[in-house]
């Protein structure tokens, strides 16, 4: 009976012992994209890395292991010695935010991007020229970290919307509007070509205090002619163009 109790106690202690976490010999900090040499006690028999996506290893000599950091995270390096002993090393891979920042400044062409590291996640903030630059920044950062939080804002060129009216109107009524629409010339073959020069008002329109207000009065006159049946709106398209560009 006593022997049975003793066996259970020994078994319980064995279970507790095996459940205890393995204590690492050393924590090896490595920056993404760089390498570190780990010197091992004794002669190396074989090595293994728990997560090869975070880092990979190569045996350099009988007592040295090369660790190549690939992505952020923590993994375990296990080394077996020729005597059968095992050595555990925690490989902590982190981002070198300065190197990433320099890469972003160089590739995107701006220093307005900020890089922060929070819980192994890279956070990008600031402003870039457009979506293409934002996508490039995220792609570059993804080579340094498992997760990238892209909070970049884009400063696209402003766009202008132009409402256009194509109006059919008689020559006499058009002349009465007091606007020089352009010039008409004949080719040697007898064809008429209209050159849409800059529209010029022959004289200031009543109540107009600026060129923009003259356009407002012109629009009102055209609408009146349409209501009177003296003009007809053929189409009313809207054009969107980048400011300073072609519509």
C-alpha atoms as a PDB file:
ATOM      1  CA  UNK A   1       0.000   0.000   0.000  1.00  0.00           C
ATOM      2  CA  UNK A   2       2.811   2.389   0.919  1.00  0.00           C
ATOM      3  CA  UNK A   3       4.620   1.475  -2.287  1.00  0.00           C
ATOM      4  CA  UNK A   4       1.522   2.382  -4.324  1.00  0.00           C
ATOM      5  CA  UNK A   5       1.230   5.807  -2.643  1.00  0.00           C
ATOM      6  CA  UNK A   6       4.926   6.435  -3.201  1.00  0.00           C
ATOM      7  CA  UNK A   7       4.551   5.607  -6.904  1.00  0.00           C
ATOM      8  CA  UNK A   8       1.685   8.077  -7.242  1.00  0.00           C
ATOM      9  CA  UNK A   9       3.721  10.814  -5.541  1.00  0.00           C
ATOM     10  CA  UNK A  10       6.694  10.197  -7.820  1.00  0.00           C
ATOM     11  CA  UNK A  11       4.401  10.226 -10.866  1.00  0.00           C
ATOM     12  CA  UNK A  12       2.780  13.484  -9.734  1.00  0.00           C
ATOM     13  CA  UNK A  13       6.185  15.137  -9.336  1.00  0.00           C
ATOM     14  CA  UNK A  14       7.174  13.884 -12.783  1.00  0.00           C
ATOM     15  CA  UNK A  15       4.053  15.440 -14.330  1.00  0.00           C
ATOM     16  CA  UNK A  16       4.712  18.764 -12.603  1.00  0.00           C
ATOM     17  CA  UNK A  17       8.322  18.714 -13.761  1.00  0.00           C
ATOM     18  CA  UNK A  18       7.448  18.026 -17.403  1.00  0.00           C
ATOM     19  CA  UNK A  19       4.777  20.753 -17.374  1.00  0.00           C
ATOM     20  CA  UNK A  20       7.266  23.441 -16.383  1.00  0.00           C
ATOM     21  CA  UNK A  21       8.264  25.720 -19.296  1.00  0.00           C
ATOM     22  CA  UNK A  22      11.759  25.356 -20.673  1.00  0.00           C
ATOM     23  CA  UNK A  23      13.952  28.254 -19.629  1.00  0.00           C
ATOM     24  CA  UNK A  24      15.968  29.806 -22.429  1.00  0.00           C
ATOM     25  CA  UNK A  25      19.716  30.040 -22.085  1.00  0.00           C
ATOM     26  CA  UNK A  26      19.654  33.536 -23.562  1.00  0.00           C
ATOM     27  CA  UNK A  27      17.399  36.024 -25.370  1.00  0.00           C
ATOM     28  CA  UNK A  28      18.896  36.972 -28.730  1.00  0.00           C
ATOM     29  CA  UNK A  29      17.547  40.300 -30.090  1.00  0.00           C
ATOM     30  CA  UNK A  30      17.851  40.616 -33.880  1.00  0.00           C
ATOM     31  CA  UNK A  31      16.652  43.336 -36.249  1.00  0.00           C
ATOM     32  CA  UNK A  32      14.628  42.387 -39.341  1.00  0.00           C
ATOM     33  CA  UNK A  33      16.906  41.926 -42.331  1.00  0.00           C
ATOM     34  CA  UNK A  34      20.029  41.447 -40.234  1.00  0.00           C
ATOM     35  CA  UNK A  35      21.951  38.524 -38.745  1.00  0.00           C
ATOM     36  CA  UNK A  36      23.405  37.541 -35.402  1.00  0.00           C
ATOM     37  CA  UNK A  37      25.923  34.857 -34.426  1.00  0.00           C
ATOM     38  CA  UNK A  38      25.037  32.686 -31.417  1.00  0.00           C
ATOM     39  CA  UNK A  39      27.919  30.980 -29.611  1.00  0.00           C
ATOM     40  CA  UNK A  40      26.881  27.642 -28.115  1.00  0.00           C
ATOM     41  CA  UNK A  41      28.350  25.740 -25.167  1.00  0.00           C
ATOM     42  CA  UNK A  42      29.859  22.487 -26.359  1.00  0.00           C
ATOM     43  CA  UNK A  43      30.049  20.973 -29.822  1.00  0.00           C
ATOM     44  CA  UNK A  44      26.978  21.370 -32.052  1.00  0.00           C
ATOM     45  CA  UNK A  45      25.286  18.202 -33.248  1.00  0.00           C
ATOM     46  CA  UNK A  46      22.155  19.703 -34.851  1.00  0.00           C
ATOM     47  CA  UNK A  47      19.940  22.802 -34.660  1.00  0.00           C
ATOM     48  CA  UNK A  48      16.267  23.611 -35.148  1.00  0.00           C
ATOM     49  CA  UNK A  49      14.193  26.806 -35.316  1.00  0.00           C
ATOM     50  CA  UNK A  50      10.564  26.749 -34.179  1.00  0.00           C
ATOM     51  CA  UNK A  51       9.224  29.249 -36.740  1.00  0.00           C
ATOM     52  CA  UNK A  52      11.306  29.530 -39.929  1.00  0.00           C
ATOM     53  CA  UNK A  53       9.105  32.400 -41.147  1.00  0.00           C
ATOM     54  CA  UNK A  54      10.479  34.610 -38.365  1.00  0.00           C
ATOM     55  CA  UNK A  55      14.118  33.544 -38.682  1.00  0.00           C
ATOM     56  CA  UNK A  56      16.258  30.860 -40.247  1.00  0.00           C
ATOM     57  CA  UNK A  57      19.533  29.420 -38.973  1.00  0.00           C
ATOM     58  CA  UNK A  58      22.746  27.973 -40.343  1.00  0.00           C
ATOM     59  CA  UNK A  59      25.630  26.261 -38.553  1.00  0.00           C
ATOM     60  CA  UNK A  60      28.844  28.233 -39.057  1.00  0.00           C
ATOM     61  CA  UNK A  61      31.214  26.108 -36.988  1.00  0.00           C
ATOM     62  CA  UNK A  62      31.240  23.501 -34.238  1.00  0.00           C
ATOM     63  CA  UNK A  63      30.152  26.125 -31.710  1.00  0.00           C
ATOM     64  CA  UNK A  64      28.511  28.929 -33.733  1.00  0.00           C
ATOM     65  CA  UNK A  65      25.047  29.325 -35.263  1.00  0.00           C
ATOM     66  CA  UNK A  66      24.057  32.127 -37.645  1.00  0.00           C
ATOM     67  CA  UNK A  67      20.542  33.546 -37.118  1.00  0.00           C
ATOM     68  CA  UNK A  68      18.977  35.477 -40.028  1.00  0.00           C
ATOM     69  CA  UNK A  69      16.000  37.626 -38.981  1.00  0.00           C
ATOM     70  CA  UNK A  70      13.132  37.688 -41.488  1.00  0.00           C
ATOM     71  CA  UNK A  71       9.975  39.044 -39.837  1.00  0.00           C
ATOM     72  CA  UNK A  72       8.943  40.435 -36.479  1.00  0.00           C
ATOM     73  CA  UNK A  73       8.074  37.976 -33.742  1.00  0.00           C
ATOM     74  CA  UNK A  74       9.615  35.633 -31.195  1.00  0.00           C
ATOM     75  CA  UNK A  75      10.698  32.078 -31.869  1.00  0.00           C
ATOM     76  CA  UNK A  76      12.865  29.425 -30.224  1.00  0.00           C
ATOM     77  CA  UNK A  77      16.222  28.119 -31.369  1.00  0.00           C
ATOM     78  CA  UNK A  78      17.092  24.635 -30.117  1.00  0.00           C
ATOM     79  CA  UNK A  79      20.685  23.386 -30.265  1.00  0.00           C
ATOM     80  CA  UNK A  80      21.746  19.809 -29.556  1.00  0.00           C
ATOM     81  CA  UNK A  81      25.307  19.229 -28.449  1.00  0.00           C
ATOM     82  CA  UNK A  82      27.364  16.153 -29.282  1.00  0.00           C
ATOM     83  CA  UNK A  83      26.960  15.030 -25.654  1.00  0.00           C
ATOM     84  CA  UNK A  84      23.173  14.964 -26.029  1.00  0.00           C
ATOM     85  CA  UNK A  85      22.400  18.178 -24.136  1.00  0.00           C
ATOM     86  CA  UNK A  86      19.851  20.654 -25.490  1.00  0.00           C
ATOM     87  CA  UNK A  87      20.171  24.426 -25.332  1.00  0.00           C
ATOM     88  CA  UNK A  88      17.231  26.782 -25.879  1.00  0.00           C
ATOM     89  CA  UNK A  89      17.507  30.377 -27.107  1.00  0.00           C
ATOM     90  CA  UNK A  90      14.680  32.893 -27.542  1.00  0.00           C
ATOM     91  CA  UNK A  91      15.098  34.751 -30.839  1.00  0.00           C
ATOM     92  CA  UNK A  92      13.321  38.133 -30.592  1.00  0.00           C
ATOM     93  CA  UNK A  93      13.052  39.763 -34.017  1.00  0.00           C
ATOM     94  CA  UNK A  94      12.175  43.443 -34.047  1.00  0.00           C
ATOM     95  CA  UNK A  95      11.830  46.183 -36.654  1.00  0.00           C
ATOM     96  CA  UNK A  96      14.531  48.775 -37.118  1.00  0.00           C
ATOM     97  CA  UNK A  97      12.174  51.728 -37.512  1.00  0.00           C
ATOM     98  CA  UNK A  98      14.993  54.044 -38.594  1.00  0.00           C
ATOM     99  CA  UNK A  99      15.971  51.748 -41.476  1.00  0.00           C
ATOM    100  CA  UNK A 100      12.327  51.435 -42.538  1.00  0.00           C
ATOM    101  CA  UNK A 101      11.858  55.212 -42.324  1.00  0.00           C
ATOM    102  CA  UNK A 102      14.953  55.817 -44.463  1.00  0.00           C
ATOM    103  CA  UNK A 103      13.685  53.300 -47.048  1.00  0.00           C
ATOM    104  CA  UNK A 104      10.269  54.979 -47.206  1.00  0.00           C
ATOM    105  CA  UNK A 105      11.788  58.452 -47.579  1.00  0.00           C
ATOM    106  CA  UNK A 106      14.037  57.233 -50.384  1.00  0.00           C
ATOM    107  CA  UNK A 107      11.481  55.185 -52.346  1.00  0.00           C
ATOM    108  CA  UNK A 108       8.450  57.469 -51.962  1.00  0.00           C
ATOM    109  CA  UNK A 109      10.317  60.748 -52.199  1.00  0.00           C
ATOM    110  CA  UNK A 110       8.913  62.401 -49.077  1.00  0.00           C
ATOM    111  CA  UNK A 111       9.805  62.662 -45.406  1.00  0.00           C
ATOM    112  CA  UNK A 112       6.181  63.105 -44.306  1.00  0.00           C
ATOM    113  CA  UNK A 113       5.702  59.422 -43.375  1.00  0.00           C
ATOM    114  CA  UNK A 114       6.082  58.454 -39.710  1.00  0.00           C
ATOM    115  CA  UNK A 115       6.776  54.891 -38.531  1.00  0.00           C
ATOM    116  CA  UNK A 116       5.710  53.510 -35.153  1.00  0.00           C
ATOM    117  CA  UNK A 117       6.117  50.024 -33.692  1.00  0.00           C
ATOM    118  CA  UNK A 118       3.303  48.833 -31.413  1.00  0.00           C
ATOM    119  CA  UNK A 119       3.162  45.197 -30.261  1.00  0.00           C
ATOM    120  CA  UNK A 120       5.187  43.999 -33.268  1.00  0.00           C
ATOM    121  CA  UNK A 121       2.844  45.921 -35.610  1.00  0.00           C
ATOM    122  CA  UNK A 122       4.102  48.727 -37.842  1.00  0.00           C
ATOM    123  CA  UNK A 123       1.849  51.794 -37.988  1.00  0.00           C
ATOM    124  CA  UNK A 124       2.272  54.258 -40.862  1.00  0.00           C
ATOM    125  CA  UNK A 125       0.990  57.811 -40.441  1.00  0.00           C
ATOM    126  CA  UNK A 126       1.445  61.048 -42.367  1.00  0.00           C
ATOM    127  CA  UNK A 127       0.651  62.190 -45.888  1.00  0.00           C
ATOM    128  CA  UNK A 128       1.740  61.025 -49.346  1.00  0.00           C
ATOM    129  CA  UNK A 129       0.991  62.248 -52.853  1.00  0.00           C
ATOM    130  CA  UNK A 130      -1.567  59.612 -53.830  1.00  0.00           C
ATOM    131  CA  UNK A 131      -2.873  56.026 -53.540  1.00  0.00           C
ATOM    132  CA  UNK A 132       0.087  54.596 -55.469  1.00  0.00           C
ATOM    133  CA  UNK A 133       2.567  56.004 -52.937  1.00  0.00           C
ATOM    134  CA  UNK A 134       0.417  54.773 -50.047  1.00  0.00           C
ATOM    135  CA  UNK A 135       0.326  51.266 -51.517  1.00  0.00           C
ATOM    136  CA  UNK A 136       4.100  51.307 -52.065  1.00  0.00           C
ATOM    137  CA  UNK A 137       4.717  52.400 -48.462  1.00  0.00           C
ATOM    138  CA  UNK A 138       2.549  49.572 -47.141  1.00  0.00           C
ATOM    139  CA  UNK A 139       4.322  47.047 -49.364  1.00  0.00           C
ATOM    140  CA  UNK A 140       7.750  48.183 -48.146  1.00  0.00           C
ATOM    141  CA  UNK A 141       6.663  48.034 -44.502  1.00  0.00           C
ATOM    142  CA  UNK A 142       5.237  44.532 -44.999  1.00  0.00           C
ATOM    143  CA  UNK A 143       8.779  43.330 -45.618  1.00  0.00           C
ATOM    144  CA  UNK A 144       9.650  44.357 -42.060  1.00  0.00           C
ATOM    145  CA  UNK A 145       6.604  43.279 -40.054  1.00  0.00           C
ATOM    146  CA  UNK A 146       3.863  40.665 -39.938  1.00  0.00           C
ATOM    147  CA  UNK A 147       1.140  43.298 -39.819  1.00  0.00           C
ATOM    148  CA  UNK A 148       1.088  46.838 -41.196  1.00  0.00           C
ATOM    149  CA  UNK A 149      -1.564  49.367 -40.176  1.00  0.00           C
ATOM    150  CA  UNK A 150      -1.719  51.946 -42.959  1.00  0.00           C
ATOM    151  CA  UNK A 151      -3.136  55.268 -41.730  1.00  0.00           C
ATOM    152  CA  UNK A 152      -1.553  57.355 -44.480  1.00  0.00           C
ATOM    153  CA  UNK A 153      -3.569  60.183 -45.993  1.00  0.00           C
ATOM    154  CA  UNK A 154      -3.314  61.135 -49.653  1.00  0.00           C
ATOM    155  CA  UNK A 155      -3.128  64.650 -51.108  1.00  0.00           C
ATOM    156  CA  UNK A 156      -4.543  64.185 -54.585  1.00  0.00           C
ATOM    157  CA  UNK A 157      -4.553  67.087 -57.025  1.00  0.00           C
ATOM    158  CA  UNK A 158      -7.859  69.014 -56.710  1.00  0.00           C
ATOM    159  CA  UNK A 159     -10.472  68.232 -59.330  1.00  0.00           C
ATOM    160  CA  UNK A 160     -12.795  70.675 -61.022  1.00  0.00           C
ATOM    161  CA  UNK A 161     -16.314  69.878 -62.193  1.00  0.00           C
ATOM    162  CA  UNK A 162     -17.584  71.888 -65.172  1.00  0.00           C
ATOM    163  CA  UNK A 163     -21.263  71.935 -66.134  1.00  0.00           C
ATOM    164  CA  UNK A 164     -21.587  72.469 -69.892  1.00  0.00           C
ATOM    165  CA  UNK A 165     -24.631  73.521 -71.893  1.00  0.00           C
ATOM    166  CA  UNK A 166     -24.765  72.960 -75.649  1.00  0.00           C
ATOM    167  CA  UNK A 167     -27.335  75.473 -76.908  1.00  0.00           C
ATOM    168  CA  UNK A 168     -28.800  75.929 -80.369  1.00  0.00           C
ATOM    169  CA  UNK A 169     -29.537  79.607 -81.000  1.00  0.00           C
ATOM    170  CA  UNK A 170     -30.012  81.847 -84.020  1.00  0.00           C
ATOM    171  CA  UNK A 171     -27.176  84.111 -85.135  1.00  0.00           C
ATOM    172  CA  UNK A 172     -29.183  87.264 -84.468  1.00  0.00           C
ATOM    173  CA  UNK A 173     -30.118  86.262 -80.925  1.00  0.00           C
ATOM    174  CA  UNK A 174     -26.525  85.206 -80.258  1.00  0.00           C
ATOM    175  CA  UNK A 175     -25.307  88.615 -81.433  1.00  0.00           C
ATOM    176  CA  UNK A 176     -27.767  90.351 -79.122  1.00  0.00           C
ATOM    177  CA  UNK A 177     -26.141  88.636 -76.146  1.00  0.00           C
ATOM    178  CA  UNK A 178     -23.109  90.896 -76.629  1.00  0.00           C
ATOM    179  CA  UNK A 179     -20.568  88.073 -76.675  1.00  0.00           C
ATOM    180  CA  UNK A 180     -17.750  87.387 -79.119  1.00  0.00           C
ATOM    181  CA  UNK A 181     -17.800  83.595 -79.335  1.00  0.00           C
ATOM    182  CA  UNK A 182     -14.835  83.072 -81.656  1.00  0.00           C
ATOM    183  CA  UNK A 183     -13.896  83.478 -85.290  1.00  0.00           C
ATOM    184  CA  UNK A 184     -15.043  81.829 -88.498  1.00  0.00           C
ATOM    185  CA  UNK A 185     -12.737  81.443 -91.483  1.00  0.00           C
ATOM    186  CA  UNK A 186     -13.014  79.835 -94.885  1.00  0.00           C
ATOM    187  CA  UNK A 187     -10.479  77.363 -96.267  1.00  0.00           C
ATOM    188  CA  UNK A 188      -9.304  77.407 -99.924  1.00  0.00           C
ATOM    189  CA  UNK A 189     -11.742  74.562-100.568  1.00  0.00           C
ATOM    190  CA  UNK A 190     -14.648  76.632 -99.278  1.00  0.00           C
ATOM    191  CA  UNK A 191     -15.064  74.829 -95.935  1.00  0.00           C
ATOM    192  CA  UNK A 192     -15.900  76.927 -92.885  1.00  0.00           C
ATOM    193  CA  UNK A 193     -13.778  76.385 -89.773  1.00  0.00           C
ATOM    194  CA  UNK A 194     -14.794  77.798 -86.414  1.00  0.00           C
ATOM    195  CA  UNK A 195     -11.968  78.742 -84.047  1.00  0.00           C
ATOM    196  CA  UNK A 196     -13.249  78.883 -80.438  1.00  0.00           C
ATOM    197  CA  UNK A 197     -11.104  81.747 -79.178  1.00  0.00           C
ATOM    198  CA  UNK A 198     -11.437  82.958 -75.607  1.00  0.00           C
ATOM    199  CA  UNK A 199     -14.984  84.173 -75.126  1.00  0.00           C
ATOM    200  CA  UNK A 200     -15.022  87.962 -74.743  1.00  0.00           C
ATOM    201  CA  UNK A 201     -17.873  90.215 -73.644  1.00  0.00           C
ATOM    202  CA  UNK A 202     -18.248  93.119 -76.037  1.00  0.00           C
ATOM    203  CA  UNK A 203     -19.193  95.471 -73.196  1.00  0.00           C
ATOM    204  CA  UNK A 204     -19.900  95.184 -69.476  1.00  0.00           C
ATOM    205  CA  UNK A 205     -23.316  93.713 -68.853  1.00  0.00           C
ATOM    206  CA  UNK A 206     -25.727  95.638 -66.632  1.00  0.00           C
ATOM    207  CA  UNK A 207     -25.319  94.717 -62.971  1.00  0.00           C
ATOM    208  CA  UNK A 208     -22.114  92.717 -63.582  1.00  0.00           C
ATOM    209  CA  UNK A 209     -19.290  93.677 -61.229  1.00  0.00           C
ATOM    210  CA  UNK A 210     -16.846  90.966 -62.353  1.00  0.00           C
ATOM    211  CA  UNK A 211     -16.245  88.532 -65.200  1.00  0.00           C
ATOM    212  CA  UNK A 212     -17.814  85.726 -63.175  1.00  0.00           C
ATOM    213  CA  UNK A 213     -20.992  87.716 -62.585  1.00  0.00           C
ATOM    214  CA  UNK A 214     -21.154  88.431 -66.329  1.00  0.00           C
ATOM    215  CA  UNK A 215     -21.318  84.672 -66.903  1.00  0.00           C
ATOM    216  CA  UNK A 216     -24.212  84.502 -64.441  1.00  0.00           C
ATOM    217  CA  UNK A 217     -26.101  87.152 -66.420  1.00  0.00           C
ATOM    218  CA  UNK A 218     -25.319  85.337 -69.677  1.00  0.00           C
ATOM    219  CA  UNK A 219     -26.709  82.105 -68.230  1.00  0.00           C
ATOM    220  CA  UNK A 220     -29.874  83.928 -67.180  1.00  0.00           C
ATOM    221  CA  UNK A 221     -30.299  85.421 -70.675  1.00  0.00           C
ATOM    222  CA  UNK A 222     -29.858  82.013 -72.306  1.00  0.00           C
ATOM    223  CA  UNK A 223     -32.415  80.442 -69.987  1.00  0.00           C
ATOM    224  CA  UNK A 224     -34.846  83.223 -70.889  1.00  0.00           C
ATOM    225  CA  UNK A 225     -34.335  82.559 -74.613  1.00  0.00           C
ATOM    226  CA  UNK A 226     -34.962  78.849 -74.015  1.00  0.00           C
ATOM    227  CA  UNK A 227     -38.246  79.633 -72.240  1.00  0.00           C
ATOM    228  CA  UNK A 228     -39.250  81.933 -75.112  1.00  0.00           C
ATOM    229  CA  UNK A 229     -38.538  79.169 -77.626  1.00  0.00           C
ATOM    230  CA  UNK A 230     -35.726  81.144 -79.263  1.00  0.00           C
ATOM    231  CA  UNK A 231     -33.024  78.709 -78.088  1.00  0.00           C
ATOM    232  CA  UNK A 232     -32.840  74.971 -77.500  1.00  0.00           C
ATOM    233  CA  UNK A 233     -30.603  73.042 -75.088  1.00  0.00           C
ATOM    234  CA  UNK A 234     -29.162  70.133 -77.071  1.00  0.00           C
ATOM    235  CA  UNK A 235     -27.206  68.562 -74.201  1.00  0.00           C
ATOM    236  CA  UNK A 236     -26.051  69.337 -70.688  1.00  0.00           C
ATOM    237  CA  UNK A 237     -22.931  67.231 -69.910  1.00  0.00           C
ATOM    238  CA  UNK A 238     -20.708  67.495 -66.831  1.00  0.00           C
ATOM    239  CA  UNK A 239     -16.934  67.327 -67.215  1.00  0.00           C
ATOM    240  CA  UNK A 240     -14.487  66.490 -64.433  1.00  0.00           C
ATOM    241  CA  UNK A 241     -10.810  67.333 -64.814  1.00  0.00           C
ATOM    242  CA  UNK A 242      -7.724  67.826 -62.688  1.00  0.00           C
ATOM    243  CA  UNK A 243      -7.193  71.493 -61.919  1.00  0.00           C
ATOM    244  CA  UNK A 244      -4.943  72.930 -64.611  1.00  0.00           C
ATOM    245  CA  UNK A 245      -5.369  69.858 -66.831  1.00  0.00           C
ATOM    246  CA  UNK A 246      -7.468  69.056 -69.866  1.00  0.00           C
ATOM    247  CA  UNK A 247     -11.120  68.112 -69.563  1.00  0.00           C
END
